[in-house]
Amino acid sequence: MLVWSDAFLHSVVSIQRPEWHADLDDEKEQAVETRKRLLKMAADHPLLVAGYHMPFPGLGHIEQVDGTFRWLPATS
């Protein structure tokens, strides 16, 4: 299981556009690199992911599609 805490602030925007900066990113470029690394790791090794800002139940998986990523909520 990967717990990514506040690395992603929105279940669509942060995941599909990890290069977009958020006001809360203190180190903007480091935040982008971290999001990209976590997304790749979660997609390449089908990890269960827990994220604070993800839709209920806050658990899911990451899928890589057409050069970007998307959130797949856990259903059972």
Protein backbone atom coordinates (compact mmCIF):
# COMPACT_ATOMS: atom_id res chain seq x y z
CA MET A 1 0.00 0.00 0.00
CA LEU A 2 1.19 3.49 -0.87
CA VAL A 3 0.01 6.34 1.36
CA TRP A 4 0.75 9.54 -0.51
CA SER A 5 -0.77 11.95 2.02
CA ASP A 6 -0.99 15.45 0.50
CA ALA A 7 1.17 14.85 -2.59
CA PHE A 8 -2.03 15.01 -4.69
CA LEU A 9 -4.66 17.62 -3.91
CA HIS A 10 -7.32 16.64 -6.46
CA SER A 11 -8.36 13.26 -7.81
CA VAL A 12 -8.44 14.45 -11.42
CA VAL A 13 -6.28 17.54 -11.82
CA SER A 14 -3.31 16.47 -9.70
CA ILE A 15 -3.23 13.00 -11.23
CA GLN A 16 -3.86 13.83 -14.87
CA ARG A 17 -1.68 16.97 -14.79
CA PRO A 18 1.03 16.30 -12.18
CA GLU A 19 3.15 19.09 -13.70
CA TRP A 20 0.62 21.76 -12.68
CA HIS A 21 1.78 23.57 -9.57
CA ALA A 22 -0.40 24.15 -6.53
CA ASP A 23 -0.12 27.18 -4.26
CA LEU A 24 0.59 24.75 -1.42
CA ASP A 25 3.67 23.31 -3.16
CA ASP A 26 6.57 24.94 -1.30
CA GLU A 27 9.16 23.46 -3.66
CA LYS A 28 7.26 23.57 -6.96
CA GLU A 29 9.62 21.53 -9.16
CA GLN A 30 10.30 18.98 -6.41
CA ALA A 31 6.55 18.53 -5.96
CA VAL A 32 6.13 17.86 -9.70
CA GLU A 33 8.96 15.30 -9.68
CA THR A 34 7.50 13.61 -6.62
CA ARG A 35 4.01 13.37 -8.10
CA LYS A 36 5.36 11.90 -11.35
CA ARG A 37 7.50 9.37 -9.46
CA LEU A 38 4.62 8.28 -7.22
CA LEU A 39 2.21 7.94 -10.16
CA LYS A 40 4.66 5.81 -12.12
CA MET A 41 5.38 3.61 -9.10
CA ALA A 42 1.67 3.13 -8.34
CA ALA A 43 0.84 2.29 -11.97
CA ASP A 44 3.84 0.04 -12.65
CA HIS A 45 3.38 -2.01 -9.45
CA PRO A 46 -0.40 -2.20 -9.04
CA LEU A 47 -0.34 -0.71 -5.56
CA LEU A 48 -3.34 0.07 -3.44
CA VAL A 49 -3.14 3.82 -2.85
CA ALA A 50 -4.52 5.83 0.06
CA GLY A 51 -4.86 9.55 -0.49
CA TYR A 52 -6.32 12.26 1.71
CA HIS A 53 -8.00 14.17 -1.12
CA MET A 54 -9.27 11.23 -3.16
CA PRO A 55 -12.99 10.42 -3.45
CA PHE A 56 -14.63 8.02 -1.00
CA PRO A 57 -13.37 5.59 0.14
CA GLY A 58 -9.98 7.32 -0.29
CA LEU A 59 -8.47 4.05 -1.55
CA GLY A 60 -7.82 3.12 -5.14
CA HIS A 61 -5.36 2.36 -7.89
CA ILE A 62 -3.58 4.36 -10.58
CA GLU A 63 -3.88 3.44 -14.23
CA GLN A 64 -1.70 4.84 -17.01
CA VAL A 65 -3.73 5.75 -20.11
CA ASP A 66 -2.62 7.63 -23.23
CA GLY A 67 0.44 9.20 -21.62
CA THR A 68 -1.34 10.33 -18.47
CA PHE A 69 -2.78 8.72 -15.35
CA ARG A 70 -6.18 8.28 -13.78
CA TRP A 71 -7.59 7.35 -10.40
CA LEU A 72 -9.59 4.12 -10.11
CA PRO A 73 -11.45 4.02 -6.77
CA ALA A 74 -11.42 0.76 -4.84
CA THR A 75 -14.81 -0.88 -5.15
CA SER A 76 -14.49 -3.80 -2.77
